[in-house]
Every structure is written in structure tokens, then in C-alpha cells.
């Protein structure tokens, strides 16, 4: 296994992790921002108010993006399995 192959594998792994986590994190970020604005406007300073909507938003995002996430992960797994032949000592 060459150093270039290890770097390529690590880069692709980080890229896959970021791509798979991005939709869920973006949904959570947007909901958190909306709730923060709502709290600032209404002067409601309840710290636990944002937890349930964020959880619901992440679950909705997971339902929406799950087919794409599975397809992306399957393609990534096939790519990694394809690289096994070139990972000789």
C-alpha cells in the first residue's frame, strides 16, 4: 500500500463523511437559527425549547435524504472494495 493510496483513501473517507452528515447538520442549523430568532423576538429564554424541533428536523431530513445517502454510501463502498485489489503489500 503506497502513501498516495492511503492519502486518497483518507481523503475520500472524510469527503464521504462530510457529504453524508451535511444535510442533517444543515437542517438542524436552520431550525436552530429560526428558533433562536423566535426566542429573541418573543424574549422567551428557555434553553430546552430548541431540542425537540431540532430532533424532528433531523428525522425529517433523514427521511428525505435517506435514499440519496444510501446510494452515496453504496457507491463509496463499491469504490473501496474495488481498491482492495491494488492494496497489496
Protein backbone atom coordinates (compact mmCIF):
# COMPACT_ATOMS: atom_id res chain seq x y z
CA UNK A 1 0.00 0.00 0.00
CA UNK A 2 1.53 3.25 -1.12
CA UNK A 3 1.35 6.50 0.82
CA UNK A 4 -0.58 8.08 -2.06
CA UNK A 5 -3.22 5.36 -1.81
CA UNK A 6 -3.56 5.88 1.94
CA UNK A 7 -3.95 9.64 1.45
CA UNK A 8 -6.53 9.09 -1.29
CA UNK A 9 -8.47 6.66 0.89
CA UNK A 10 -8.42 9.03 3.87
CA UNK A 11 -9.49 11.98 1.71
CA UNK A 12 -12.38 10.03 0.18
CA UNK A 13 -13.45 8.81 3.63
CA UNK A 14 -13.55 12.35 5.05
CA UNK A 15 -15.38 13.55 1.95
CA UNK A 16 -17.99 10.81 2.30
CA UNK A 17 -18.45 11.58 5.99
CA UNK A 18 -18.98 15.28 5.31
CA UNK A 19 -21.36 14.62 2.41
CA UNK A 20 -23.48 12.22 4.46
CA UNK A 21 -23.62 14.45 7.53
CA UNK A 22 -24.21 17.75 5.71
CA UNK A 23 -27.97 17.51 5.04
CA UNK A 24 -28.76 16.59 8.64
CA UNK A 25 -26.49 19.27 10.05
CA UNK A 26 -27.87 21.94 7.72
CA UNK A 27 -31.46 21.13 8.67
CA UNK A 28 -30.54 21.26 12.35
CA UNK A 29 -28.68 24.54 11.89
CA UNK A 30 -31.58 26.21 10.07
CA UNK A 31 -34.13 25.08 12.66
CA UNK A 32 -31.85 26.22 15.48
CA UNK A 33 -31.43 29.61 13.84
CA UNK A 34 -35.19 30.03 13.36
CA UNK A 35 -35.85 29.08 16.97
CA UNK A 36 -33.15 31.47 18.20
CA UNK A 37 -34.71 34.31 16.23
CA UNK A 38 -38.14 33.37 17.64
CA UNK A 39 -36.72 33.37 21.18
CA UNK A 40 -35.06 36.75 20.64
CA UNK A 41 -38.25 38.29 19.26
CA UNK A 42 -40.51 36.91 21.98
CA UNK A 43 -37.99 37.18 24.84
CA UNK A 44 -38.50 33.52 25.70
CA UNK A 45 -35.22 32.32 27.18
CA UNK A 46 -35.90 28.61 27.50
CA UNK A 47 -32.81 26.56 26.66
CA UNK A 48 -34.71 23.33 26.13
CA UNK A 49 -37.10 24.85 23.57
CA UNK A 50 -34.83 24.09 20.62
CA UNK A 51 -34.19 20.40 21.33
CA UNK A 52 -37.45 18.85 20.15
CA UNK A 53 -37.74 20.86 16.91
CA UNK A 54 -34.11 20.08 16.06
CA UNK A 55 -34.68 16.36 16.63
CA UNK A 56 -37.81 16.48 14.47
CA UNK A 57 -35.93 18.40 11.76
CA UNK A 58 -33.12 15.85 11.73
CA UNK A 59 -35.61 12.98 11.48
CA UNK A 60 -37.43 14.71 8.60
CA UNK A 61 -34.10 15.34 6.85
CA UNK A 62 -33.18 11.70 7.36
CA UNK A 63 -36.45 10.55 5.78
CA UNK A 64 -35.98 12.93 2.84
CA UNK A 65 -32.29 12.26 2.20
CA UNK A 66 -32.08 8.56 3.18
CA UNK A 67 -32.33 7.21 -0.40
CA UNK A 68 -29.58 9.54 -1.59
CA UNK A 69 -27.44 8.76 1.48
CA UNK A 70 -27.75 5.02 0.92
CA UNK A 71 -26.90 5.39 -2.76
CA UNK A 72 -23.86 7.52 -1.94
CA UNK A 73 -22.67 5.08 0.73
CA UNK A 74 -23.20 2.09 -1.57
CA UNK A 75 -21.16 3.76 -4.32
CA UNK A 76 -18.42 4.61 -1.82
CA UNK A 77 -18.36 1.03 -0.52
CA UNK A 78 -18.12 -0.35 -4.07
CA UNK A 79 -15.26 2.05 -4.76
CA UNK A 80 -13.40 0.92 -1.63
CA UNK A 81 -13.94 -2.75 -2.48
CA UNK A 82 -12.65 -2.02 -5.98
CA UNK A 83 -9.47 -0.57 -4.48
CA UNK A 84 -8.74 -3.74 -2.46
CA UNK A 85 -7.02 -5.37 -5.44
CA UNK A 86 -4.49 -2.54 -5.58
CA UNK A 87 -3.77 -2.68 -1.82
CA UNK A 88 -1.08 -5.33 -1.96
CA UNK A 89 1.95 -5.28 0.30
